[in-house]
Amino acid sequence: MQLFAFVKRKEGMSREDFLTYWHTQHGPMIRETPGLGGLTTGYVQYPSAPQDQSGWDGVAVQDFASWDDFIAMISGPDGEMMRQDEANFLDSSSIKVVFTEGKVVMIDPENPTAAP
């Protein structure tokens, strides 16, 4: 299962400060906290391109072995710590999340002309 979280920085925070905090504080906290990173099989931060006009500052993608692992991550005390940290740099009221299972590859970099 994958989680895609579209995120915006909190009001009054510069893009540079947002990205620095996200990359050097929040991400490492998730990676190094067993109740967070230990339940996540992958975590990638995608900052929006400077020319992007969507209004989003980035997209976080997290992989989980199961829905239960995701629920365990957000339900425990480490999940509460994560939410408290998000208040330092995110506009939590604007976060949009999409959960996915599986994928359909339309262009495979290993074989770009193959049909799905």
PDB file of N, CA and C in Angstrom:
ATOM      1  N   MET A   1       0.828  -1.165   0.000  1.00  0.00           N
ATOM      2  CA  MET A   1       0.000   0.000   0.000  1.00  0.00           C
ATOM      3  C   MET A   1       0.881   1.241   0.000  1.00  0.00           C
ATOM      4  N   GLN A   2       0.483   2.230  -0.766  1.00  0.00           N
ATOM      5  CA  GLN A   2       1.202   3.504  -0.782  1.00  0.00           C
ATOM      6  C   GLN A   2       0.284   4.631  -0.365  1.00  0.00           C
ATOM      7  N   LEU A   3       0.882   5.588   0.330  1.00  0.00           N
ATOM      8  CA  LEU A   3       0.198   6.808   0.745  1.00  0.00           C
ATOM      9  C   LEU A   3       0.874   7.965   0.029  1.00  0.00           C
ATOM     10  N   PHE A   4       0.101   8.783  -0.659  1.00  0.00           N
ATOM     11  CA  PHE A   4       0.591  10.013  -1.282  1.00  0.00           C
ATOM     12  C   PHE A   4      -0.023  11.166  -0.505  1.00  0.00           C
ATOM     13  N   ALA A   5       0.820  11.999   0.118  1.00  0.00           N
ATOM     14  CA  ALA A   5       0.340  13.141   0.901  1.00  0.00           C
ATOM     15  C   ALA A   5       0.787  14.426   0.221  1.00  0.00           C
ATOM     16  N   PHE A   6      -0.168  15.223  -0.215  1.00  0.00           N
ATOM     17  CA  PHE A   6       0.103  16.517  -0.824  1.00  0.00           C
ATOM     18  C   PHE A   6       0.139  17.539   0.305  1.00  0.00           C
ATOM     19  N   VAL A   7       1.258  18.262   0.416  1.00  0.00           N
ATOM     20  CA  VAL A   7       1.468  19.120   1.585  1.00  0.00           C
ATOM     21  C   VAL A   7       1.769  20.561   1.195  1.00  0.00           C
ATOM     22  N   LYS A   8       1.389  21.471   2.125  1.00  0.00           N
ATOM     23  CA  LYS A   8       1.691  22.900   2.001  1.00  0.00           C
ATOM     24  C   LYS A   8       2.379  23.351   3.277  1.00  0.00           C
ATOM     25  N   ARG A   9       3.261  24.309   3.135  1.00  0.00           N
ATOM     26  CA  ARG A   9       3.948  24.864   4.302  1.00  0.00           C
ATOM     27  C   ARG A   9       2.983  25.725   5.104  1.00  0.00           C
ATOM     28  N   LYS A  10       3.291  25.871   6.395  1.00  0.00           N
ATOM     29  CA  LYS A  10       2.433  26.693   7.244  1.00  0.00           C
ATOM     30  C   LYS A  10       2.579  28.155   6.849  1.00  0.00           C
ATOM     31  N   GLU A  11       1.548  28.904   7.125  1.00  0.00           N
ATOM     32  CA  GLU A  11       1.514  30.311   6.760  1.00  0.00           C
ATOM     33  C   GLU A  11       2.676  31.063   7.391  1.00  0.00           C
ATOM     34  N   GLY A  12       3.293  31.916   6.595  1.00  0.00           N
ATOM     35  CA  GLY A  12       4.401  32.718   7.067  1.00  0.00           C
ATOM     36  C   GLY A  12       5.760  32.060   6.954  1.00  0.00           C
ATOM     37  N   MET A  13       5.812  30.809   6.557  1.00  0.00           N
ATOM     38  CA  MET A  13       7.080  30.089   6.436  1.00  0.00           C
ATOM     39  C   MET A  13       7.573  30.178   5.002  1.00  0.00           C
ATOM     40  N   SER A  14       8.852  30.456   4.814  1.00  0.00           N
ATOM     41  CA  SER A  14       9.409  30.506   3.460  1.00  0.00           C
ATOM     42  C   SER A  14       9.538  29.097   2.887  1.00  0.00           C
ATOM     43  N   ARG A  15       9.580  29.025   1.578  1.00  0.00           N
ATOM     44  CA  ARG A  15       9.775  27.743   0.902  1.00  0.00           C
ATOM     45  C   ARG A  15      11.085  27.102   1.352  1.00  0.00           C
ATOM     46  N   GLU A  16      12.147  27.907   1.444  1.00  0.00           N
ATOM     47  CA  GLU A  16      13.451  27.393   1.837  1.00  0.00           C
ATOM     48  C   GLU A  16      13.413  26.819   3.254  1.00  0.00           C
ATOM     49  N   ASP A  17      12.789  27.540   4.185  1.00  0.00           N
ATOM     50  CA  ASP A  17      12.692  27.047   5.563  1.00  0.00           C
ATOM     51  C   ASP A  17      11.846  25.780   5.639  1.00  0.00           C
ATOM     52  N   PHE A  18      10.757  25.753   4.863  1.00  0.00           N
ATOM     53  CA  PHE A  18       9.903  24.569   4.810  1.00  0.00           C
ATOM     54  C   PHE A  18      10.707  23.350   4.347  1.00  0.00           C
ATOM     55  N   LEU A  19      11.392  23.498   3.215  1.00  0.00           N
ATOM     56  CA  LEU A  19      12.144  22.369   2.666  1.00  0.00           C
ATOM     57  C   LEU A  19      13.262  21.930   3.600  1.00  0.00           C
ATOM     58  N   THR A  20      13.952  22.874   4.214  1.00  0.00           N
ATOM     59  CA  THR A  20      15.023  22.524   5.150  1.00  0.00           C
ATOM     60  C   THR A  20      14.468  21.727   6.315  1.00  0.00           C
ATOM     61  N   TYR A  21      13.361  22.174   6.886  1.00  0.00           N
ATOM     62  CA  TYR A  21      12.786  21.459   8.030  1.00  0.00           C
ATOM     63  C   TYR A  21      12.296  20.074   7.605  1.00  0.00           C
ATOM     64  N   TRP A  22      11.591  20.008   6.497  1.00  0.00           N
ATOM     65  CA  TRP A  22      11.043  18.743   6.005  1.00  0.00           C
ATOM     66  C   TRP A  22      12.163  17.728   5.779  1.00  0.00           C
ATOM     67  N   HIS A  23      13.249  18.168   5.124  1.00  0.00           N
ATOM     68  CA  HIS A  23      14.336  17.254   4.765  1.00  0.00           C
ATOM     69  C   HIS A  23      15.280  16.934   5.920  1.00  0.00           C
ATOM     70  N   THR A  24      15.539  17.887   6.816  1.00  0.00           N
ATOM     71  CA  THR A  24      16.573  17.671   7.834  1.00  0.00           C
ATOM     72  C   THR A  24      16.030  17.388   9.231  1.00  0.00           C
ATOM     73  N   GLN A  25      14.752  17.649   9.468  1.00  0.00           N
ATOM     74  CA  GLN A  25      14.172  17.399  10.787  1.00  0.00           C
ATOM     75  C   GLN A  25      13.077  16.329  10.729  1.00  0.00           C
ATOM     76  N   HIS A  26      12.035  16.606   9.945  1.00  0.00           N
ATOM     77  CA  HIS A  26      10.865  15.719   9.936  1.00  0.00           C
ATOM     78  C   HIS A  26      11.181  14.351   9.323  1.00  0.00           C
ATOM     79  N   GLY A  27      11.788  14.344   8.162  1.00  0.00           N
ATOM     80  CA  GLY A  27      12.120  13.075   7.501  1.00  0.00           C
ATOM     81  C   GLY A  27      13.005  12.186   8.349  1.00  0.00           C
ATOM     82  N   PRO A  28      14.127  12.711   8.868  1.00  0.00           N
ATOM     83  CA  PRO A  28      14.972  11.882   9.725  1.00  0.00           C
ATOM     84  C   PRO A  28      14.255  11.408  10.992  1.00  0.00           C
ATOM     85  N   MET A  29      13.356  12.233  11.551  1.00  0.00           N
ATOM     86  CA  MET A  29      12.606  11.807  12.736  1.00  0.00           C
ATOM     87  C   MET A  29      11.761  10.573  12.404  1.00  0.00           C
ATOM     88  N   ILE A  30      11.089  10.602  11.253  1.00  0.00           N
ATOM     89  CA  ILE A  30      10.281   9.445  10.850  1.00  0.00           C
ATOM     90  C   ILE A  30      11.189   8.234  10.635  1.00  0.00           C
ATOM     91  N   ARG A  31      12.276   8.417   9.911  1.00  0.00           N
ATOM     92  CA  ARG A  31      13.189   7.315   9.602  1.00  0.00           C
ATOM     93  C   ARG A  31      13.754   6.674  10.865  1.00  0.00           C
ATOM     94  N   GLU A  32      14.104   7.485  11.866  1.00  0.00           N
ATOM     95  CA  GLU A  32      14.831   6.997  13.033  1.00  0.00           C
ATOM     96  C   GLU A  32      13.943   6.605  14.210  1.00  0.00           C
ATOM     97  N   THR A  33      12.644   6.814  14.123  1.00  0.00           N
ATOM     98  CA  THR A  33      11.733   6.453  15.205  1.00  0.00           C
ATOM     99  C   THR A  33      11.113   5.093  14.891  1.00  0.00           C
ATOM    100  N   PRO A  34      11.392   4.073  15.706  1.00  0.00           N
ATOM    101  CA  PRO A  34      10.910   2.716  15.381  1.00  0.00           C
ATOM    102  C   PRO A  34       9.398   2.626  15.148  1.00  0.00           C
ATOM    103  N   GLY A  35       8.609   3.360  15.909  1.00  0.00           N
ATOM    104  CA  GLY A  35       7.153   3.307  15.736  1.00  0.00           C
ATOM    105  C   GLY A  35       6.654   4.004  14.490  1.00  0.00           C
ATOM    106  N   LEU A  36       7.544   4.678  13.776  1.00  0.00           N
ATOM    107  CA  LEU A  36       7.198   5.336  12.512  1.00  0.00           C
ATOM    108  C   LEU A  36       7.937   4.656  11.366  1.00  0.00           C
ATOM    109  N   GLY A  37       9.250   4.836  11.314  1.00  0.00           N
ATOM    110  CA  GLY A  37      10.050   4.246  10.247  1.00  0.00           C
ATOM    111  C   GLY A  37      10.056   2.736  10.262  1.00  0.00           C
ATOM    112  N   GLY A  38       9.891   2.158  11.441  1.00  0.00           N
ATOM    113  CA  GLY A  38       9.863   0.703  11.544  1.00  0.00           C
ATOM    114  C   GLY A  38       8.616   0.077  10.948  1.00  0.00           C
ATOM    115  N   LEU A  39       7.582   0.891  10.761  1.00  0.00           N
ATOM    116  CA  LEU A  39       6.339   0.405  10.159  1.00  0.00           C
ATOM    117  C   LEU A  39       6.182   0.846   8.705  1.00  0.00           C
ATOM    118  N   THR A  40       7.153   1.587   8.216  1.00  0.00           N
ATOM    119  CA  THR A  40       7.118   2.127   6.858  1.00  0.00           C
ATOM    120  C   THR A  40       8.196   1.422   6.044  1.00  0.00           C
ATOM    121  N   THR A  41       7.824   0.874   4.894  1.00  0.00           N
ATOM    122  CA  THR A  41       8.805   0.176   4.070  1.00  0.00           C
ATOM    123  C   THR A  41       9.492   1.106   3.075  1.00  0.00           C
ATOM    124  N   GLY A  42       9.010   2.320   2.945  1.00  0.00           N
ATOM    125  CA  GLY A  42       9.626   3.306   2.078  1.00  0.00           C
ATOM    126  C   GLY A  42       9.058   4.678   2.371  1.00  0.00           C
ATOM    127  N   TYR A  43       9.891   5.704   2.223  1.00  0.00           N
ATOM    128  CA  TYR A  43       9.450   7.078   2.458  1.00  0.00           C
ATOM    129  C   TYR A  43      10.279   7.989   1.562  1.00  0.00           C
ATOM    130  N   VAL A  44       9.610   8.703   0.658  1.00  0.00           N
ATOM    131  CA  VAL A  44      10.282   9.605  -0.272  1.00  0.00           C
ATOM    132  C   VAL A  44       9.581  10.950  -0.228  1.00  0.00           C
ATOM    133  N   GLN A  45      10.369  12.023  -0.159  1.00  0.00           N
ATOM    134  CA  GLN A  45       9.832  13.384  -0.194  1.00  0.00           C
ATOM    135  C   GLN A  45      10.104  13.968  -1.579  1.00  0.00           C
ATOM    136  N   TYR A  46       9.062  14.496  -2.193  1.00  0.00           N
ATOM    137  CA  TYR A  46       9.177  15.136  -3.498  1.00  0.00           C
ATOM    138  C   TYR A  46       8.807  16.614  -3.349  1.00  0.00           C
ATOM    139  N   PRO A  47       9.786  17.511  -3.296  1.00  0.00           N
ATOM    140  CA  PRO A  47       9.451  18.931  -3.253  1.00  0.00           C
ATOM    141  C   PRO A  47       8.902  19.371  -4.610  1.00  0.00           C
ATOM    142  N   SER A  48       7.953  20.285  -4.594  1.00  0.00           N
ATOM    143  CA  SER A  48       7.434  20.790  -5.865  1.00  0.00           C
ATOM    144  C   SER A  48       8.528  21.557  -6.594  1.00  0.00           C
ATOM    145  N   ALA A  49       8.458  21.547  -7.895  1.00  0.00           N
ATOM    146  CA  ALA A  49       9.410  22.296  -8.711  1.00  0.00           C
ATOM    147  C   ALA A  49       9.150  23.792  -8.525  1.00  0.00           C
ATOM    148  N   PRO A  50      10.187  24.611  -8.565  1.00  0.00           N
ATOM    149  CA  PRO A  50       9.986  26.050  -8.375  1.00  0.00           C
ATOM    150  C   PRO A  50       8.963  26.657  -9.338  1.00  0.00           C
ATOM    151  N   GLN A  51       8.839  26.123 -10.539  1.00  0.00           N
ATOM    152  CA  GLN A  51       7.894  26.661 -11.514  1.00  0.00           C
ATOM    153  C   GLN A  51       6.485  26.078 -11.372  1.00  0.00           C
ATOM    154  N   ASP A  52       6.286  25.153 -10.448  1.00  0.00           N
ATOM    155  CA  ASP A  52       4.978  24.532 -10.231  1.00  0.00           C
ATOM    156  C   ASP A  52       3.967  25.574  -9.771  1.00  0.00           C
ATOM    157  N   GLN A  53       2.777  25.514 -10.315  1.00  0.00           N
ATOM    158  CA  GLN A  53       1.717  26.464  -9.968  1.00  0.00           C
ATOM    159  C   GLN A  53       0.536  25.792  -9.261  1.00  0.00           C
ATOM    160  N   SER A  54       0.718  24.573  -8.774  1.00  0.00           N
ATOM    161  CA  SER A  54      -0.394  23.817  -8.177  1.00  0.00           C
ATOM    162  C   SER A  54      -0.810  24.339  -6.810  1.00  0.00           C
ATOM    163  N   GLY A  55       0.096  25.039  -6.118  1.00  0.00           N
ATOM    164  CA  GLY A  55      -0.185  25.465  -4.752  1.00  0.00           C
ATOM    165  C   GLY A  55       0.341  24.505  -3.702  1.00  0.00           C
ATOM    166  N   TRP A  56       0.812  23.328  -4.118  1.00  0.00           N
ATOM    167  CA  TRP A  56       1.386  22.359  -3.188  1.00  0.00           C
ATOM    168  C   TRP A  56       2.888  22.601  -3.095  1.00  0.00           C
ATOM    169  N   ASP A  57       3.429  22.426  -1.896  1.00  0.00           N
ATOM    170  CA  ASP A  57       4.870  22.569  -1.705  1.00  0.00           C
ATOM    171  C   ASP A  57       5.606  21.250  -1.875  1.00  0.00           C
ATOM    172  N   GLY A  58       4.875  20.163  -1.890  1.00  0.00           N
ATOM    173  CA  GLY A  58       5.508  18.876  -2.101  1.00  0.00           C
ATOM    174  C   GLY A  58       4.545  17.730  -1.931  1.00  0.00           C
ATOM    175  N   VAL A  59       5.076  16.549  -2.185  1.00  0.00           N
ATOM    176  CA  VAL A  59       4.329  15.303  -2.041  1.00  0.00           C
ATOM    177  C   VAL A  59       5.223  14.315  -1.298  1.00  0.00           C
ATOM    178  N   ALA A  60       4.684  13.729  -0.247  1.00  0.00           N
ATOM    179  CA  ALA A  60       5.375  12.661   0.470  1.00  0.00           C
ATOM    180  C   ALA A  60       4.750  11.339   0.057  1.00  0.00           C
ATOM    181  N   VAL A  61       5.589  10.356  -0.222  1.00  0.00           N
ATOM    182  CA  VAL A  61       5.105   9.024  -0.587  1.00  0.00           C
ATOM    183  C   VAL A  61       5.653   8.042   0.435  1.00  0.00           C
ATOM    184  N   GLN A  62       4.737   7.337   1.097  1.00  0.00           N
ATOM    185  CA  GLN A  62       5.134   6.331   2.073  1.00  0.00           C
ATOM    186  C   GLN A  62       4.570   4.989   1.653  1.00  0.00           C
ATOM    187  N   ASP A  63       5.391   3.956   1.804  1.00  0.00           N
ATOM    188  CA  ASP A  63       4.984   2.584   1.486  1.00  0.00           C
ATOM    189  C   ASP A  63       4.796   1.811   2.784  1.00  0.00           C
ATOM    190  N   PHE A  64       3.759   0.996   2.810  1.00  0.00           N
ATOM    191  CA  PHE A  64       3.454   0.155   3.966  1.00  0.00           C
ATOM    192  C   PHE A  64       3.173  -1.259   3.491  1.00  0.00           C
ATOM    193  N   ALA A  65       3.555  -2.228   4.302  1.00  0.00           N
ATOM    194  CA  ALA A  65       3.273  -3.627   3.966  1.00  0.00           C
ATOM    195  C   ALA A  65       1.778  -3.909   4.025  1.00  0.00           C
ATOM    196  N   SER A  66       1.060  -3.163   4.874  1.00  0.00           N
ATOM    197  CA  SER A  66      -0.379  -3.405   5.031  1.00  0.00           C
ATOM    198  C   SER A  66      -1.069  -2.164   5.588  1.00  0.00           C
ATOM    199  N   TRP A  67      -2.377  -2.153   5.469  1.00  0.00           N
ATOM    200  CA  TRP A  67      -3.198  -1.096   6.072  1.00  0.00           C
ATOM    201  C   TRP A  67      -3.003  -1.090   7.588  1.00  0.00           C
ATOM    202  N   ASP A  68      -2.909  -2.277   8.181  1.00  0.00           N
ATOM    203  CA  ASP A  68      -2.714  -2.382   9.629  1.00  0.00           C
ATOM    204  C   ASP A  68      -1.418  -1.716  10.077  1.00  0.00           C
ATOM    205  N   ASP A  69      -0.361  -1.802   9.277  1.00  0.00           N
ATOM    206  CA  ASP A  69       0.888  -1.128   9.628  1.00  0.00           C
ATOM    207  C   ASP A  69       0.711   0.389   9.611  1.00  0.00           C
ATOM    208  N   PHE A  70      -0.033   0.887   8.628  1.00  0.00           N
ATOM    209  CA  PHE A  70      -0.312   2.333   8.590  1.00  0.00           C
ATOM    210  C   PHE A  70      -1.089   2.758   9.836  1.00  0.00           C
ATOM    211  N   ILE A  71      -2.132   2.018  10.174  1.00  0.00           N
ATOM    212  CA  ILE A  71      -2.946   2.351  11.355  1.00  0.00           C
ATOM    213  C   ILE A  71      -2.091   2.291  12.614  1.00  0.00           C
ATOM    214  N   ALA A  72      -1.232   1.298  12.728  1.00  0.00           N
ATOM    215  CA  ALA A  72      -0.353   1.193  13.898  1.00  0.00           C
ATOM    216  C   ALA A  72       0.575   2.395  13.983  1.00  0.00           C
ATOM    217  N   MET A  73       1.071   2.858  12.840  1.00  0.00           N
ATOM    218  CA  MET A  73       1.987   3.996  12.841  1.00  0.00           C
ATOM    219  C   MET A  73       1.296   5.262  13.354  1.00  0.00           C
ATOM    220  N   ILE A  74       0.096   5.528  12.892  1.00  0.00           N
ATOM    221  CA  ILE A  74      -0.561   6.784  13.280  1.00  0.00           C
ATOM    222  C   ILE A  74      -1.256   6.697  14.634  1.00  0.00           C
ATOM    223  N   SER A  75      -1.476   5.487  15.147  1.00  0.00           N
ATOM    224  CA  SER A  75      -2.261   5.321  16.372  1.00  0.00           C
ATOM    225  C   SER A  75      -1.451   5.406  17.659  1.00  0.00           C
ATOM    226  N   GLY A  76      -0.192   5.100  17.598  1.00  0.00           N
ATOM    227  CA  GLY A  76       0.600   5.047  18.818  1.00  0.00           C
ATOM    228  C   GLY A  76       1.140   6.405  19.239  1.00  0.00           C
ATOM    229  N   PRO A  77       1.898   6.421  20.314  1.00  0.00           N
ATOM    230  CA  PRO A  77       2.483   7.674  20.800  1.00  0.00           C
ATOM    231  C   PRO A  77       3.453   8.297  19.797  1.00  0.00           C
ATOM    232  N   ASP A  78       4.112   7.468  18.995  1.00  0.00           N
ATOM    233  CA  ASP A  78       5.006   8.021  17.980  1.00  0.00           C
ATOM    234  C   ASP A  78       4.205   8.735  16.885  1.00  0.00           C
ATOM    235  N   GLY A  79       3.014   8.242  16.593  1.00  0.00           N
ATOM    236  CA  GLY A  79       2.139   8.922  15.637  1.00  0.00           C
ATOM    237  C   GLY A  79       1.736  10.296  16.141  1.00  0.00           C
ATOM    238  N   GLU A  80       1.464  10.397  17.437  1.00  0.00           N
ATOM    239  CA  GLU A  80       1.137  11.699  18.032  1.00  0.00           C
ATOM    240  C   GLU A  80       2.344  12.629  17.957  1.00  0.00           C
ATOM    241  N   MET A  81       3.536  12.102  18.209  1.00  0.00           N
ATOM    242  CA  MET A  81       4.757  12.907  18.105  1.00  0.00           C
ATOM    243  C   MET A  81       4.940  13.418  16.672  1.00  0.00           C
ATOM    244  N   MET A  82       4.643  12.566  15.691  1.00  0.00           N
ATOM    245  CA  MET A  82       4.762  12.962  14.287  1.00  0.00           C
ATOM    246  C   MET A  82       3.804  14.105  13.975  1.00  0.00           C
ATOM    247  N   ARG A  83       2.556  14.004  14.431  1.00  0.00           N
ATOM    248  CA  ARG A  83       1.577  15.059  14.178  1.00  0.00           C
ATOM    249  C   ARG A  83       1.988  16.368  14.854  1.00  0.00           C
ATOM    250  N   GLN A  84       2.538  16.280  16.049  1.00  0.00           N
ATOM    251  CA  GLN A  84       3.005  17.485  16.730  1.00  0.00           C
ATOM    252  C   GLN A  84       4.154  18.127  15.958  1.00  0.00           C
ATOM    253  N   ASP A  85       5.045  17.308  15.403  1.00  0.00           N
ATOM    254  CA  ASP A  85       6.148  17.853  14.623  1.00  0.00           C
ATOM    255  C   ASP A  85       5.645  18.495  13.342  1.00  0.00           C
ATOM    256  N   GLU A  86       4.619  17.921  12.731  1.00  0.00           N
ATOM    257  CA  GLU A  86       4.070  18.493  11.499  1.00  0.00           C
ATOM    258  C   GLU A  86       3.599  19.927  11.713  1.00  0.00           C
ATOM    259  N   ALA A  87       3.139  20.247  12.914  1.00  0.00           N
ATOM    260  CA  ALA A  87       2.679  21.599  13.212  1.00  0.00           C
ATOM    261  C   ALA A  87       3.806  22.621  13.116  1.00  0.00           C
ATOM    262  N   ASN A  88       5.063  22.171  13.157  1.00  0.00           N
ATOM    263  CA  ASN A  88       6.200  23.074  13.061  1.00  0.00           C
ATOM    264  C   ASN A  88       6.424  23.604  11.644  1.00  0.00           C
ATOM    265  N   PHE A  89       5.873  22.910  10.634  1.00  0.00           N
ATOM    266  CA  PHE A  89       6.186  23.331   9.261  1.00  0.00           C
ATOM    267  C   PHE A  89       5.061  23.130   8.252  1.00  0.00           C
ATOM    268  N   LEU A  90       4.025  22.390   8.602  1.00  0.00           N
ATOM    269  CA  LEU A  90       2.933  22.107   7.661  1.00  0.00           C
ATOM    270  C   LEU A  90       1.654  22.851   8.015  1.00  0.00           C
ATOM    271  N   ASP A  91       0.874  23.162   6.977  1.00  0.00           N
ATOM    272  CA  ASP A  91      -0.507  23.594   7.165  1.00  0.00           C
ATOM    273  C   ASP A  91      -1.327  22.306   7.184  1.00  0.00           C
ATOM    274  N   SER A  92      -1.523  21.755   8.383  1.00  0.00           N
ATOM    275  CA  SER A  92      -2.150  20.428   8.486  1.00  0.00           C
ATOM    276  C   SER A  92      -3.591  20.421   7.989  1.00  0.00           C
ATOM    277  N   SER A  93      -4.262  21.560   7.984  1.00  0.00           N
ATOM    278  CA  SER A  93      -5.651  21.591   7.507  1.00  0.00           C
ATOM    279  C   SER A  93      -5.743  21.421   5.992  1.00  0.00           C
ATOM    280  N   SER A  94      -4.632  21.583   5.282  1.00  0.00           N
ATOM    281  CA  SER A  94      -4.672  21.504   3.817  1.00  0.00           C
ATOM    282  C   SER A  94      -4.170  20.179   3.263  1.00  0.00           C
ATOM    283  N   ILE A  95      -3.635  19.308   4.099  1.00  0.00           N
ATOM    284  CA  ILE A  95      -3.058  18.049   3.615  1.00  0.00           C
ATOM    285  C   ILE A  95      -4.138  17.210   2.922  1.00  0.00           C
ATOM    286  N   LYS A  96      -3.796  16.713   1.754  1.00  0.00           N
ATOM    287  CA  LYS A  96      -4.671  15.788   1.022  1.00  0.00           C
ATOM    288  C   LYS A  96      -3.920  14.478   0.869  1.00  0.00           C
ATOM    289  N   VAL A  97      -4.591  13.370   1.169  1.00  0.00           N
ATOM    290  CA  VAL A  97      -3.951  12.059   1.154  1.00  0.00           C
ATOM    291  C   VAL A  97      -4.709  11.136   0.203  1.00  0.00           C
ATOM    292  N   VAL A  98      -3.940  10.381  -0.578  1.00  0.00           N
ATOM    293  CA  VAL A  98      -4.494   9.347  -1.452  1.00  0.00           C
ATOM    294  C   VAL A  98      -3.786   8.049  -1.103  1.00  0.00           C
ATOM    295  N   PHE A  99      -4.555   6.977  -0.873  1.00  0.00           N
ATOM    296  CA  PHE A  99      -4.010   5.645  -0.619  1.00  0.00           C
ATOM    297  C   PHE A  99      -4.164   4.826  -1.894  1.00  0.00           C
ATOM    298  N   THR A 100      -3.113   4.118  -2.265  1.00  0.00           N
ATOM    299  CA  THR A 100      -3.168   3.302  -3.468  1.00  0.00           C
ATOM    300  C   THR A 100      -2.719   1.881  -3.167  1.00  0.00           C
ATOM    301  N   GLU A 101      -3.169   0.964  -4.007  1.00  0.00           N
ATOM    302  CA  GLU A 101      -2.708  -0.427  -3.964  1.00  0.00           C
ATOM    303  C   GLU A 101      -2.432  -0.849  -5.392  1.00  0.00           C
ATOM    304  N   GLY A 102      -1.256  -1.368  -5.608  1.00  0.00           N
ATOM    305  CA  GLY A 102      -0.892  -1.822  -6.947  1.00  0.00           C
ATOM    306  C   GLY A 102      -0.610  -0.650  -7.872  1.00  0.00           C
ATOM    307  N   LYS A 103      -0.223  -0.979  -9.089  1.00  0.00           N
ATOM    308  CA  LYS A 103       0.027   0.048 -10.088  1.00  0.00           C
ATOM    309  C   LYS A 103      -0.113  -0.556 -11.466  1.00  0.00           C
ATOM    310  N   VAL A 104      -0.382   0.286 -12.428  1.00  0.00           N
ATOM    311  CA  VAL A 104      -0.422  -0.101 -13.829  1.00  0.00           C
ATOM    312  C   VAL A 104       0.663   0.714 -14.516  1.00  0.00           C
ATOM    313  N   VAL A 105       1.680   0.042 -15.024  1.00  0.00           N
ATOM    314  CA  VAL A 105       2.809   0.709 -15.664  1.00  0.00           C
ATOM    315  C   VAL A 105       2.469   0.946 -17.130  1.00  0.00           C
ATOM    316  N   MET A 106       2.447   2.205 -17.544  1.00  0.00           N
ATOM    317  CA  MET A 106       2.124   2.548 -18.928  1.00  0.00           C
ATOM    318  C   MET A 106       3.380   2.728 -19.781  1.00  0.00           C
ATOM    319  N   ILE A 107       4.454   3.197 -19.166  1.00  0.00           N
ATOM    320  CA  ILE A 107       5.750   3.290 -19.851  1.00  0.00           C
ATOM    321  C   ILE A 107       6.778   2.721 -18.894  1.00  0.00           C
ATOM    322  N   ASP A 108       7.390   1.640 -19.319  1.00  0.00           N
ATOM    323  CA  ASP A 108       8.402   0.971 -18.516  1.00  0.00           C
ATOM    324  C   ASP A 108       9.765   1.445 -18.967  1.00  0.00           C
ATOM    325  N   PRO A 109      10.549   2.064 -18.074  1.00  0.00           N
ATOM    326  CA  PRO A 109      11.867   2.554 -18.495  1.00  0.00           C
ATOM    327  C   PRO A 109      12.765   1.442 -19.038  1.00  0.00           C
ATOM    328  N   GLU A 110      12.516   0.207 -18.624  1.00  0.00           N
ATOM    329  CA  GLU A 110      13.314  -0.921 -19.128  1.00  0.00           C
ATOM    330  C   GLU A 110      12.871  -1.348 -20.533  1.00  0.00           C
ATOM    331  N   ASN A 111      11.612  -1.073 -20.871  1.00  0.00           N
ATOM    332  CA  ASN A 111      11.068  -1.469 -22.180  1.00  0.00           C
ATOM    333  C   ASN A 111       9.996  -0.444 -22.570  1.00  0.00           C
ATOM    334  N   PRO A 112      10.389   0.754 -22.998  1.00  0.00           N
ATOM    335  CA  PRO A 112       9.439   1.844 -23.207  1.00  0.00           C
ATOM    336  C   PRO A 112       8.417   1.632 -24.316  1.00  0.00           C
ATOM    337  N   THR A 113       8.624   0.704 -25.194  1.00  0.00           N
ATOM    338  CA  THR A 113       7.662   0.495 -26.280  1.00  0.00           C
ATOM    339  C   THR A 113       6.689  -0.644 -26.000  1.00  0.00           C
ATOM    340  N   ALA A 114       6.849  -1.339 -24.899  1.00  0.00           N
ATOM    341  CA  ALA A 114       5.966  -2.476 -24.578  1.00  0.00           C
ATOM    342  C   ALA A 114       4.590  -1.958 -24.129  1.00  0.00           C
ATOM    343  N   ALA A 115       3.564  -2.674 -24.515  1.00  0.00           N
ATOM    344  CA  ALA A 115       2.198  -2.349 -24.097  1.00  0.00           C
ATOM    345  C   ALA A 115       1.950  -2.960 -22.722  1.00  0.00           C
ATOM    346  N   PRO A 116       1.119  -2.306 -21.877  1.00  0.00           N
ATOM    347  CA  PRO A 116       0.827  -2.874 -20.547  1.00  0.00           C
ATOM    348  C   PRO A 116       0.035  -4.162 -20.637  1.00  0.00           C
TER     349      PRO A 116
END
